[in-house]
Amino acid sequence: MAVNYAAGLSPYSDKGKCGLPEIFDPPEELERKVQELAELIRSSSNVVFHTGAGISTASGIPDFRGPNGVWTMEEKGLSPKFDTTFENARPSKTHMALLGLQRVGILKFLVSQNVDGLHVRSGFPRDKLAELHGNMFVEECVKCGKQYVRDAVVGSMGLKPTGRLCSVTKARGLRACRGKLRDTILDWEDSLPDRDLTLADEACRKADLSVTLGTSLQIKPSGNLPLITKKRGGKLVIVNLQATKHDRQADLRIHGYVDEVMTKLMKHLGLEVPEWTGPVVVESAEVAKAEVAKDEVTKAEVAEDEVTKAEVAEDEVTKAEVAEDEVTKAEVAEAEVATGEVQQLQGRLKEEPLGHHNGTTVPCPGKAPRQRRDGLKLESPSPDTGPTPVKKMKVEPLLT
């Protein structure tokens, strides 16, 4: 799982079968198998997952017995590739998918052989998790049993003292416990922690479906725990790229990258893979559930507030449209008034003859009154009396 972890273990000759060839199911077969796994989960009431080093390779931490695993490379006299540190490693899609399954109540318990701390740092509740081989970030008081989850690896392995003391306050306000703290990482010959082994055993007995992810199941007793479920009438699903010790016992074997399998599984179940936002330690699933519920209430309130803001904005738009409509009506009315005034003026102009102004006769432009040749003016005919009658001269006969 990690170079510095492996280097800290005591020499041990029997490390199991290493470097077995990897097997990949064809895409169509992989899809069918994941669909079958989804159906098994839907029909089960108590699902337990078991995880091994294979789920952390996507996080940059090498496994042990894969083609490029720590023990495999050691057998070849080579050094394994290590892409990150424990502190900088990020939980993979599989880590987060398992958290998502736990939050919705599908995953009842998680059993892990990993020491990288990624399950805890992903936010998985510690009371629903058994870390059978320890955790690089956890130290424990040898006196009162109190465990401390640190931000960095504790610095020792093999259940050795870390140099720090327990700070738990005793009852009645007495001084702190001050017991010595030690790491929780097991060496080859160390016994598994009683609490974690007991919880894992009980969970496997209650389960009607056990699913193993990224483990060859070669280490005892961890590798045999999934068989408890099988022996009690439950189902066993193995997801791994290499052959495992218990393949013959499996009801379903899936050969594919665990991240791909888990992403497809979540999609088949209609669930989202949670996003990782940084290291967080959750001690209790109930506390986590309360926090999730509180977060959902907050999101609902924010959404409701956004809806209210949208409604207010829509109301303001409506008011603006009404005001604009009133302005338009006023402009139309004003235009109608102006049109009426123009029409009245045009009507008056039609009624008055051209050339009259305030009842006074105006001479026609360009025509002056006619004059007699002798200088006397001739009277122009009056428009009211008609033509002026011509006076006839009376001619008297000459006297003789």
Protein backbone atom coordinates (compact mmCIF):
# COMPACT_ATOMS: atom_id res chain seq x y z
CA MET A 1 0.00 0.00 0.00
CA ALA A 2 2.87 2.35 0.61
CA VAL A 3 6.62 2.11 0.33
CA ASN A 4 7.41 3.61 3.72
CA TYR A 5 4.75 1.43 5.34
CA ALA A 6 6.16 -1.75 3.77
CA ALA A 7 9.71 -0.74 4.68
CA GLY A 8 8.68 -0.34 8.32
CA LEU A 9 7.44 -3.94 8.66
CA SER A 10 9.58 -6.76 9.99
CA PRO A 11 11.11 -9.18 7.47
CA TYR A 12 8.62 -11.87 6.45
CA SER A 13 9.10 -14.57 3.84
CA ASP A 14 5.56 -15.75 3.04
CA LYS A 15 3.87 -12.76 1.44
CA GLY A 16 1.51 -14.81 -0.71
CA LYS A 17 1.19 -15.02 -4.49
CA CYS A 18 2.38 -11.84 -6.15
CA GLY A 19 2.22 -10.50 -9.69
CA LEU A 20 -0.67 -12.66 -10.93
CA PRO A 21 -1.96 -11.63 -14.38
CA GLU A 22 -4.80 -9.14 -14.49
CA ILE A 23 -8.16 -10.05 -16.03
CA PHE A 24 -10.47 -7.56 -17.75
CA ASP A 25 -14.10 -8.28 -18.55
CA PRO A 26 -15.21 -7.05 -22.02
CA PRO A 27 -17.24 -3.80 -21.83
CA GLU A 28 -20.60 -5.49 -22.50
CA GLU A 29 -19.94 -8.20 -19.93
CA LEU A 30 -18.74 -5.67 -17.37
CA GLU A 31 -21.93 -3.65 -17.82
CA ARG A 32 -24.07 -6.76 -17.42
CA LYS A 33 -22.23 -7.82 -14.26
CA VAL A 34 -22.53 -4.39 -12.66
CA GLN A 35 -26.25 -4.44 -13.43
CA GLU A 36 -26.46 -7.82 -11.71
CA LEU A 37 -24.60 -6.43 -8.69
CA ALA A 38 -27.08 -3.54 -8.53
CA GLU A 39 -29.96 -6.02 -8.52
CA LEU A 40 -28.32 -8.04 -5.74
CA ILE A 41 -27.94 -4.89 -3.65
CA ARG A 42 -31.58 -3.91 -4.23
CA SER A 43 -32.76 -7.34 -3.09
CA SER A 44 -30.54 -7.33 0.02
CA SER A 45 -31.33 -5.81 3.41
CA ASN A 46 -27.86 -5.87 4.98
CA VAL A 47 -24.85 -5.18 2.76
CA VAL A 48 -21.24 -5.25 3.99
CA PHE A 49 -18.26 -4.14 1.88
CA HIS A 50 -14.66 -5.35 2.31
CA THR A 51 -11.80 -3.25 0.88
CA GLY A 52 -8.15 -3.90 0.11
CA ALA A 53 -5.17 -2.00 -1.28
CA GLY A 54 -6.58 -2.12 -4.83
CA ILE A 55 -9.05 0.69 -4.14
CA SER A 56 -6.22 3.16 -3.33
CA THR A 57 -4.09 2.71 -6.45
CA ALA A 58 -6.19 5.41 -8.15
CA SER A 59 -5.13 7.71 -5.29
CA GLY A 60 -1.46 7.16 -6.12
CA ILE A 61 -0.73 4.56 -3.43
CA PRO A 62 0.62 1.24 -4.77
CA ASP A 63 -0.93 -2.08 -3.78
CA PHE A 64 1.05 -5.11 -2.62
CA ARG A 65 0.54 -8.01 -5.02
CA GLY A 66 -0.48 -6.37 -8.29
CA PRO A 67 1.83 -6.23 -11.33
CA ASN A 68 3.49 -3.11 -9.85
CA GLY A 69 2.78 -3.90 -6.20
CA VAL A 70 5.22 -3.45 -3.33
CA TRP A 71 5.82 -7.17 -2.77
CA THR A 72 5.82 -7.93 -6.49
CA MET A 73 8.51 -5.33 -7.18
CA GLU A 74 10.48 -6.51 -4.12
CA GLU A 75 10.58 -10.06 -5.54
CA LYS A 76 12.00 -8.62 -8.78
CA GLY A 77 14.59 -6.59 -6.91
CA LEU A 78 12.92 -3.32 -7.99
CA SER A 79 11.53 -0.34 -6.11
CA PRO A 80 7.79 0.34 -6.35
CA LYS A 81 6.50 3.64 -7.67
CA PHE A 82 4.90 5.90 -5.10
CA ASP A 83 3.11 8.94 -6.59
CA THR A 84 2.07 10.74 -3.42
CA THR A 85 2.31 10.90 0.36
CA PHE A 86 -0.29 9.66 2.80
CA GLU A 87 -1.10 13.25 3.76
CA ASN A 88 -1.55 14.38 0.15
CA ALA A 89 -3.47 11.34 -1.12
CA ARG A 90 -7.08 12.05 -2.05
CA PRO A 91 -9.90 9.52 -1.60
CA SER A 92 -10.76 7.76 -4.87
CA LYS A 93 -14.16 7.47 -6.54
CA THR A 94 -14.54 4.14 -4.75
CA HIS A 95 -13.92 5.68 -1.32
CA MET A 96 -16.52 8.37 -1.99
CA ALA A 97 -19.03 5.94 -3.53
CA LEU A 98 -18.85 3.81 -0.38
CA LEU A 99 -19.55 6.92 1.68
CA GLY A 100 -22.55 7.66 -0.55
CA LEU A 101 -23.90 4.12 -0.09
CA GLN A 102 -23.53 4.44 3.67
CA ARG A 103 -25.35 7.76 3.78
CA VAL A 104 -28.43 6.37 2.05
CA GLY A 105 -28.49 3.30 4.30
CA ILE A 106 -27.45 0.66 1.74
CA LEU A 107 -23.99 -0.04 3.18
CA LYS A 108 -24.41 -1.18 6.79
CA PHE A 109 -20.75 -1.79 7.63
CA LEU A 110 -17.31 -1.46 6.06
CA VAL A 111 -14.36 -3.78 6.76
CA SER A 112 -10.94 -2.60 5.52
CA GLN A 113 -7.43 -4.02 5.48
CA ASN A 114 -5.99 -0.65 4.41
CA VAL A 115 -3.80 1.50 6.64
CA ASP A 116 -3.76 4.65 4.44
CA GLY A 117 -6.55 6.35 6.40
CA LEU A 118 -8.48 7.34 3.26
CA HIS A 119 -11.79 5.90 4.50
CA VAL A 120 -11.65 8.04 7.65
CA ARG A 121 -10.38 11.11 5.78
CA SER A 122 -13.22 10.75 3.25
CA GLY A 123 -15.70 11.33 6.08
CA PHE A 124 -16.81 7.71 6.51
CA PRO A 125 -18.26 7.26 10.06
CA ARG A 126 -15.76 5.49 12.30
CA ASP A 127 -18.48 3.59 14.18
CA LYS A 128 -19.41 1.87 10.89
CA LEU A 129 -15.81 1.02 9.98
CA ALA A 130 -13.40 -1.70 11.11
CA GLU A 131 -9.74 -0.99 10.22
CA LEU A 132 -8.27 -4.43 10.86
CA HIS A 133 -4.63 -3.57 10.18
CA GLY A 134 -4.60 -0.09 11.72
CA ASN A 135 -4.45 3.50 10.47
CA MET A 136 -1.33 5.57 9.80
CA PHE A 137 -3.09 8.68 11.20
CA VAL A 138 -4.38 7.15 14.44
CA GLU A 139 -2.66 6.73 17.79
CA GLU A 140 -4.18 5.07 20.86
CA CYS A 141 -3.76 5.39 24.60
CA VAL A 142 -2.45 2.16 26.14
CA LYS A 143 -4.12 3.11 29.44
CA CYS A 144 -7.68 4.22 28.64
CA GLY A 145 -7.99 3.19 24.97
CA LYS A 146 -8.78 6.70 23.69
CA GLN A 147 -7.91 7.10 20.00
CA TYR A 148 -6.69 10.30 18.35
CA VAL A 149 -7.00 10.93 14.61
CA ARG A 150 -4.16 13.22 13.52
CA ASP A 151 -3.71 15.40 10.44
CA ALA A 152 -0.35 13.76 9.70
CA VAL A 153 0.97 10.20 10.05
CA VAL A 154 1.84 9.49 13.68
CA GLY A 155 5.46 8.56 12.90
CA SER A 156 5.85 4.98 14.13
CA MET A 157 4.68 1.46 13.24
CA GLY A 158 4.25 -1.89 14.95
CA LEU A 159 2.23 -0.65 17.97
CA LYS A 160 5.19 1.40 19.24
CA PRO A 161 5.07 4.53 21.45
CA THR A 162 4.71 7.80 19.55
CA GLY A 163 6.18 9.90 22.34
CA ARG A 164 2.89 11.67 23.15
CA LEU A 165 0.58 11.32 26.17
CA CYS A 166 -3.19 11.00 26.52
CA SER A 167 -5.01 14.22 27.39
CA VAL A 168 -8.36 12.72 28.46
CA THR A 169 -9.58 14.31 31.69
CA LYS A 170 -10.59 11.88 34.45
CA ALA A 171 -13.88 12.02 36.34
CA ARG A 172 -14.48 14.60 39.09
CA GLY A 173 -12.04 17.00 37.50
CA LEU A 174 -8.92 15.02 38.33
CA ARG A 175 -5.76 15.38 36.28
CA ALA A 176 -5.56 14.02 32.72
CA CYS A 177 -5.03 10.33 32.01
CA ARG A 178 -1.50 10.93 30.65
CA GLY A 179 -1.23 7.35 29.40
CA LYS A 180 1.34 6.68 26.69
CA LEU A 181 0.12 6.83 23.09
CA ARG A 182 1.14 4.26 20.50
CA ASP A 183 0.49 3.79 16.79
CA THR A 184 -2.17 1.35 15.57
CA ILE A 185 -0.24 -0.23 12.66
CA LEU A 186 0.13 -4.02 12.92
CA ASP A 187 3.31 -5.89 12.13
CA TRP A 188 3.23 -9.36 10.60
CA GLU A 189 2.87 -11.29 13.87
CA ASP A 190 0.58 -8.84 15.71
CA SER A 191 -2.95 -9.85 16.62
CA LEU A 192 -5.84 -7.94 15.10
CA PRO A 193 -7.44 -5.31 17.37
CA ASP A 194 -10.25 -6.86 19.40
CA ARG A 195 -12.77 -4.07 18.90
CA ASP A 196 -12.41 -3.93 15.12
CA LEU A 197 -12.32 -7.71 14.67
CA THR A 198 -15.42 -8.19 16.83
CA LEU A 199 -17.38 -5.51 14.94
CA ALA A 200 -16.34 -6.98 11.59
CA ASP A 201 -17.29 -10.51 12.62
CA GLU A 202 -20.72 -9.40 13.86
CA ALA A 203 -21.36 -7.40 10.70
CA CYS A 204 -20.49 -10.37 8.45
CA ARG A 205 -22.83 -12.66 10.42
CA LYS A 206 -25.73 -10.23 10.00
CA ALA A 207 -25.05 -9.52 6.32
CA ASP A 208 -26.99 -11.14 3.50
CA LEU A 209 -24.53 -9.74 0.92
CA SER A 210 -20.76 -9.26 1.20
CA VAL A 211 -18.91 -7.38 -1.56
CA THR A 212 -15.10 -7.38 -1.71
CA LEU A 213 -13.24 -4.62 -3.57
CA GLY A 214 -9.58 -4.62 -4.58
CA THR A 215 -8.33 -7.45 -2.38
CA SER A 216 -6.85 -10.85 -3.21
CA LEU A 217 -8.18 -12.14 0.15
CA GLN A 218 -4.86 -13.88 0.93
CA ILE A 219 -4.27 -12.48 4.43
CA LYS A 220 -5.87 -14.30 7.36
CA PRO A 221 -8.14 -13.78 9.20
CA SER A 222 -9.23 -10.66 7.25
CA GLY A 223 -9.52 -12.52 3.95
CA ASN A 224 -11.82 -15.18 5.42
CA LEU A 225 -14.40 -12.81 6.92
CA PRO A 226 -16.51 -12.57 3.71
CA LEU A 227 -16.98 -16.35 3.84
CA ILE A 228 -18.92 -15.96 7.12
CA THR A 229 -21.71 -14.28 5.15
CA LYS A 230 -21.61 -16.99 2.51
CA LYS A 231 -21.74 -19.82 5.08
CA ARG A 232 -24.79 -18.25 6.73
CA GLY A 233 -26.76 -18.26 3.47
CA GLY A 234 -25.79 -14.87 2.09
CA LYS A 235 -24.28 -13.90 -1.25
CA LEU A 236 -20.64 -13.12 -2.05
CA VAL A 237 -19.45 -10.75 -4.81
CA ILE A 238 -15.74 -10.35 -5.60
CA VAL A 239 -14.49 -7.31 -7.57
CA ASN A 240 -10.79 -7.63 -8.41
CA LEU A 241 -8.49 -7.58 -11.44
CA GLN A 242 -6.65 -10.72 -10.33
CA ALA A 243 -7.83 -14.15 -9.28
CA THR A 244 -8.53 -14.44 -5.55
CA LYS A 245 -8.39 -17.20 -3.00
CA HIS A 246 -12.18 -17.46 -2.74
CA ASP A 247 -13.27 -17.13 -6.39
CA ARG A 248 -15.01 -20.50 -6.31
CA GLN A 249 -17.19 -19.37 -3.43
CA ALA A 250 -18.35 -16.22 -5.19
CA ASP A 251 -21.85 -15.80 -6.62
CA LEU A 252 -20.54 -13.09 -8.92
CA ARG A 253 -16.99 -12.16 -9.99
CA ILE A 254 -16.29 -8.83 -11.66
CA HIS A 255 -12.94 -8.15 -13.31
CA GLY A 256 -12.48 -4.42 -13.80
CA TYR A 257 -11.07 -1.28 -12.24
CA VAL A 258 -12.92 -0.70 -8.97
CA ASP A 259 -13.46 3.01 -9.69
CA GLU A 260 -15.16 2.15 -12.97
CA VAL A 261 -17.25 -0.58 -11.35
CA MET A 262 -18.37 1.64 -8.47
CA THR A 263 -19.15 4.60 -10.73
CA LYS A 264 -21.35 2.39 -12.92
CA LEU A 265 -22.96 0.84 -9.84
CA MET A 266 -23.93 4.22 -8.42
CA LYS A 267 -25.45 5.17 -11.76
CA HIS A 268 -27.50 1.95 -11.86
CA LEU A 269 -28.71 2.68 -8.32
CA GLY A 270 -29.61 6.25 -9.26
CA LEU A 271 -27.14 7.73 -6.76
CA GLU A 272 -24.53 10.48 -6.99
CA VAL A 273 -20.92 9.96 -5.94
CA PRO A 274 -20.24 12.60 -3.24
CA GLU A 275 -17.54 15.15 -3.92
CA TRP A 276 -14.55 15.23 -1.59
CA THR A 277 -13.98 18.69 -0.13
CA GLY A 278 -11.06 17.91 2.17
CA PRO A 279 -10.11 15.69 5.13
CA VAL A 280 -12.88 15.35 7.69
CA VAL A 281 -13.27 12.96 10.62
CA VAL A 282 -16.75 11.69 11.50
CA GLU A 283 -16.96 9.61 14.67
CA SER A 284 -20.65 8.65 14.53
CA ALA A 285 -23.05 7.88 11.70
CA GLU A 286 -25.90 9.48 13.68
CA VAL A 287 -23.97 12.73 14.02
CA ALA A 288 -23.20 12.59 10.31
CA LYS A 289 -26.88 11.99 9.53
CA ALA A 290 -27.87 14.98 11.65
CA GLU A 291 -25.27 17.14 9.88
CA VAL A 292 -26.51 15.97 6.48
CA ALA A 293 -30.11 16.69 7.49
CA LYS A 294 -29.09 20.14 8.73
CA ASP A 295 -27.26 20.77 5.49
CA GLU A 296 -30.32 19.71 3.49
CA VAL A 297 -32.51 22.09 5.52
CA THR A 298 -30.05 24.89 4.88
CA LYS A 299 -30.04 24.11 1.15
CA ALA A 300 -33.85 24.07 1.16
CA GLU A 301 -33.96 27.44 2.92
CA VAL A 302 -31.47 28.89 0.45
CA ALA A 303 -33.52 27.51 -2.44
CA GLU A 304 -36.71 28.96 -0.94
CA ASP A 305 -34.99 32.32 -0.52
CA GLU A 306 -33.89 32.22 -4.15
CA VAL A 307 -37.47 31.46 -5.21
CA THR A 308 -38.73 34.41 -3.12
CA LYS A 309 -36.13 36.69 -4.70
CA ALA A 310 -37.16 35.46 -8.14
CA GLU A 311 -40.84 36.13 -7.35
CA VAL A 312 -40.03 39.64 -6.09
CA ALA A 313 -37.97 40.31 -9.21
CA GLU A 314 -40.81 38.99 -11.37
CA ASP A 315 -43.25 41.25 -9.51
CA GLU A 316 -40.98 44.25 -10.10
CA VAL A 317 -40.84 43.39 -13.79
CA THR A 318 -44.65 43.17 -13.87
CA LYS A 319 -44.95 46.56 -12.18
CA ALA A 320 -42.50 48.04 -14.68
CA GLU A 321 -44.51 46.56 -17.56
CA VAL A 322 -47.76 47.99 -16.12
CA ALA A 323 -46.11 51.42 -15.74
CA GLU A 324 -44.80 51.21 -19.29
CA ASP A 325 -48.29 50.27 -20.49
CA GLU A 326 -49.76 53.32 -18.69
CA VAL A 327 -47.17 55.55 -20.33
CA THR A 328 -48.06 54.05 -23.72
CA LYS A 329 -51.78 54.69 -23.11
CA ALA A 330 -51.05 58.30 -22.14
CA GLU A 331 -49.00 58.78 -25.29
CA VAL A 332 -51.81 57.31 -27.40
CA ALA A 333 -54.39 59.58 -25.75
CA GLU A 334 -52.17 62.62 -26.30
CA ALA A 335 -51.73 61.68 -29.94
CA GLU A 336 -55.50 61.29 -30.36
CA VAL A 337 -56.09 64.78 -28.89
CA ALA A 338 -53.51 66.29 -31.26
CA THR A 339 -55.09 64.50 -34.21
CA GLY A 340 -58.55 65.88 -33.27
CA GLU A 341 -57.25 69.43 -33.06
CA VAL A 342 -55.66 69.14 -36.48
CA GLN A 343 -58.89 67.80 -37.97
CA GLN A 344 -60.93 70.67 -36.46
CA LEU A 345 -58.53 73.23 -37.90
CA GLN A 346 -58.72 71.64 -41.33
CA GLY A 347 -62.53 71.76 -41.14
CA ARG A 348 -62.55 75.48 -40.45
CA LEU A 349 -60.25 76.17 -43.36
CA LYS A 350 -62.63 74.36 -45.71
CA GLU A 351 -65.65 76.40 -44.56
CA GLU A 352 -64.01 79.86 -45.21
CA PRO A 353 -63.77 80.93 -49.01
CA LEU A 354 -60.39 81.78 -50.31
CA GLY A 355 -59.80 85.57 -50.36
CA HIS A 356 -62.01 86.49 -47.36
CA HIS A 357 -60.52 87.53 -44.10
CA ASN A 358 -62.49 88.75 -41.14
CA GLY A 359 -65.47 89.70 -43.43
CA THR A 360 -63.48 92.26 -45.45
CA THR A 361 -63.22 92.00 -49.19
CA VAL A 362 -59.71 91.73 -50.34
CA PRO A 363 -58.71 92.55 -53.91
CA CYS A 364 -57.54 89.72 -55.95
CA PRO A 365 -53.80 89.66 -56.18
CA GLY A 366 -52.40 91.15 -59.35
CA LYS A 367 -55.68 92.97 -60.40
CA ALA A 368 -56.27 96.65 -59.77
CA PRO A 369 -59.68 98.39 -60.15
CA ARG A 370 -60.44 99.32 -63.69
CA GLN A 371 -60.20 103.02 -64.58
CA ARG A 372 -61.89 105.09 -67.26
CA ARG A 373 -59.64 106.53 -69.83
CA ASP A 374 -60.50 109.96 -68.73
CA GLY A 375 -59.22 109.16 -65.39
CA LEU A 376 -62.52 108.36 -63.76
CA LYS A 377 -62.78 105.13 -61.98
CA LEU A 378 -65.27 102.66 -63.16
CA GLU A 379 -67.26 101.05 -60.43
CA SER A 380 -66.72 97.45 -60.12
CA PRO A 381 -69.72 95.29 -59.91
CA SER A 382 -70.83 94.50 -56.44
CA PRO A 383 -71.03 90.85 -55.69
CA ASP A 384 -74.30 91.48 -53.89
CA THR A 385 -76.13 93.61 -56.50
CA GLY A 386 -74.87 92.10 -59.68
CA PRO A 387 -73.60 94.08 -62.68
CA THR A 388 -74.01 97.89 -62.55
CA PRO A 389 -76.73 99.03 -65.02
CA VAL A 390 -75.46 101.16 -67.92
CA LYS A 391 -77.13 104.59 -68.15
CA LYS A 392 -78.23 105.33 -71.67
CA MET A 393 -77.67 108.77 -73.00
CA LYS A 394 -80.88 110.46 -74.22
CA VAL A 395 -80.33 112.04 -77.61
CA GLU A 396 -82.63 114.98 -78.35
CA PRO A 397 -83.30 115.99 -81.90
CA LEU A 398 -81.65 119.19 -83.14
CA LEU A 399 -83.84 122.19 -83.50
CA THR A 400 -84.31 123.36 -86.90
